[in-house]
Amino acid sequence: MMPQIDIGANFSINKFKLCTKCETSKPPEGGIEMGAKWICQLCWNKKITGKNLKQNRFVKNAKAN
């Protein structure tokens, strides 16, 4: 990966952030900030997938209407 070009800057603009879910340092692009928490893109995608959504969960032996 090529480093970002910072014209006239002494430091990089995009610093790594610590994901509160997987606890690894990742670039801030694609992540989401929720209050004091920051979740990386990979953890956020896992959180919003179909199997984790409440509307897609079902209970075994549930009575059908």
C-alpha atoms as a PDB file:
ATOM      1  CA  MET A   1       0.000   0.000   0.000  1.00  0.00           C
ATOM      2  CA  MET A   2       1.282   3.450  -0.848  1.00  0.00           C
ATOM      3  CA  PRO A   3       1.531   5.947   2.010  1.00  0.00           C
ATOM      4  CA  GLN A   4      -0.773   8.937   1.892  1.00  0.00           C
ATOM      5  CA  ILE A   5       0.830  12.135   0.615  1.00  0.00           C
ATOM      6  CA  ASP A   6       0.561  14.962   3.123  1.00  0.00           C
ATOM      7  CA  ILE A   7       1.481  18.222   1.431  1.00  0.00           C
ATOM      8  CA  GLY A   8       2.923  20.577   4.009  1.00  0.00           C
ATOM      9  CA  ALA A   9       2.055  18.302   6.960  1.00  0.00           C
ATOM     10  CA  ASN A  10       4.470  16.873   9.489  1.00  0.00           C
ATOM     11  CA  PHE A  11       2.229  13.972  10.452  1.00  0.00           C
ATOM     12  CA  SER A  12      -0.286  11.655   8.841  1.00  0.00           C
ATOM     13  CA  ILE A  13      -3.917  12.766   8.923  1.00  0.00           C
ATOM     14  CA  ASN A  14      -5.332   9.222   9.143  1.00  0.00           C
ATOM     15  CA  LYS A  15      -4.134   7.637  12.344  1.00  0.00           C
ATOM     16  CA  PHE A  16      -5.128   4.154  13.377  1.00  0.00           C
ATOM     17  CA  LYS A  17      -8.009   3.733  15.811  1.00  0.00           C
ATOM     18  CA  LEU A  18      -8.558   0.942  18.305  1.00  0.00           C
ATOM     19  CA  CYS A  19     -11.694  -1.111  17.612  1.00  0.00           C
ATOM     20  CA  THR A  20     -13.647  -1.636  20.826  1.00  0.00           C
ATOM     21  CA  LYS A  21     -15.036  -4.975  19.599  1.00  0.00           C
ATOM     22  CA  CYS A  22     -11.961  -6.837  18.266  1.00  0.00           C
ATOM     23  CA  GLU A  23      -9.409  -4.624  20.084  1.00  0.00           C
ATOM     24  CA  THR A  24      -7.074  -4.185  17.103  1.00  0.00           C
ATOM     25  CA  SER A  25      -5.700  -0.996  15.570  1.00  0.00           C
ATOM     26  CA  LYS A  26      -7.210  -0.319  12.152  1.00  0.00           C
ATOM     27  CA  PRO A  27      -7.517   2.684   9.814  1.00  0.00           C
ATOM     28  CA  PRO A  28     -10.566   4.860  10.578  1.00  0.00           C
ATOM     29  CA  GLU A  29     -12.037   4.651   7.057  1.00  0.00           C
ATOM     30  CA  GLY A  30     -15.167   2.543   6.925  1.00  0.00           C
ATOM     31  CA  GLY A  31     -15.614   2.253  10.686  1.00  0.00           C
ATOM     32  CA  ILE A  32     -18.458   3.693  12.698  1.00  0.00           C
ATOM     33  CA  GLU A  33     -18.347   5.813  15.833  1.00  0.00           C
ATOM     34  CA  MET A  34     -21.067   5.194  18.388  1.00  0.00           C
ATOM     35  CA  GLY A  35     -20.709   7.606  21.287  1.00  0.00           C
ATOM     36  CA  ALA A  36     -17.364   6.829  22.929  1.00  0.00           C
ATOM     37  CA  LYS A  37     -17.003   3.535  21.012  1.00  0.00           C
ATOM     38  CA  TRP A  38     -15.482   3.039  17.563  1.00  0.00           C
ATOM     39  CA  ILE A  39     -16.171  -0.181  15.645  1.00  0.00           C
ATOM     40  CA  CYS A  40     -14.130  -1.178  12.587  1.00  0.00           C
ATOM     41  CA  GLN A  41     -15.758  -2.015   9.273  1.00  0.00           C
ATOM     42  CA  LEU A  42     -15.253  -5.782   9.634  1.00  0.00           C
ATOM     43  CA  CYS A  43     -16.888  -5.917  13.084  1.00  0.00           C
ATOM     44  CA  TRP A  44     -19.703  -3.614  11.941  1.00  0.00           C
ATOM     45  CA  ASN A  45     -20.451  -5.850   8.930  1.00  0.00           C
ATOM     46  CA  LYS A  46     -20.589  -8.890  11.212  1.00  0.00           C
ATOM     47  CA  LYS A  47     -22.977  -7.033  13.508  1.00  0.00           C
ATOM     48  CA  ILE A  48     -25.436  -6.056  10.773  1.00  0.00           C
ATOM     49  CA  THR A  49     -25.542  -9.355   8.860  1.00  0.00           C
ATOM     50  CA  GLY A  50     -28.825 -11.226   8.557  1.00  0.00           C
ATOM     51  CA  LYS A  51     -28.183 -13.849  11.217  1.00  0.00           C
ATOM     52  CA  ASN A  52     -27.653 -11.171  13.864  1.00  0.00           C
ATOM     53  CA  LEU A  53     -30.708  -9.078  13.056  1.00  0.00           C
ATOM     54  CA  LYS A  54     -33.618  -9.485  15.453  1.00  0.00           C
ATOM     55  CA  GLN A  55     -36.189  -9.761  12.671  1.00  0.00           C
ATOM     56  CA  ASN A  56     -34.374 -12.793  11.213  1.00  0.00           C
ATOM     57  CA  ARG A  57     -34.173 -14.738  14.466  1.00  0.00           C
ATOM     58  CA  PHE A  58     -36.754 -17.384  15.167  1.00  0.00           C
ATOM     59  CA  VAL A  59     -37.632 -19.588  18.098  1.00  0.00           C
ATOM     60  CA  LYS A  60     -37.788 -23.364  17.689  1.00  0.00           C
ATOM     61  CA  ASN A  61     -41.187 -24.906  18.331  1.00  0.00           C
ATOM     62  CA  ALA A  62     -42.903 -21.522  18.002  1.00  0.00           C
ATOM     63  CA  LYS A  63     -46.623 -21.657  17.263  1.00  0.00           C
ATOM     64  CA  ALA A  64     -47.574 -20.556  13.771  1.00  0.00           C
ATOM     65  CA  ASN A  65     -50.423 -18.068  13.426  1.00  0.00           C
END
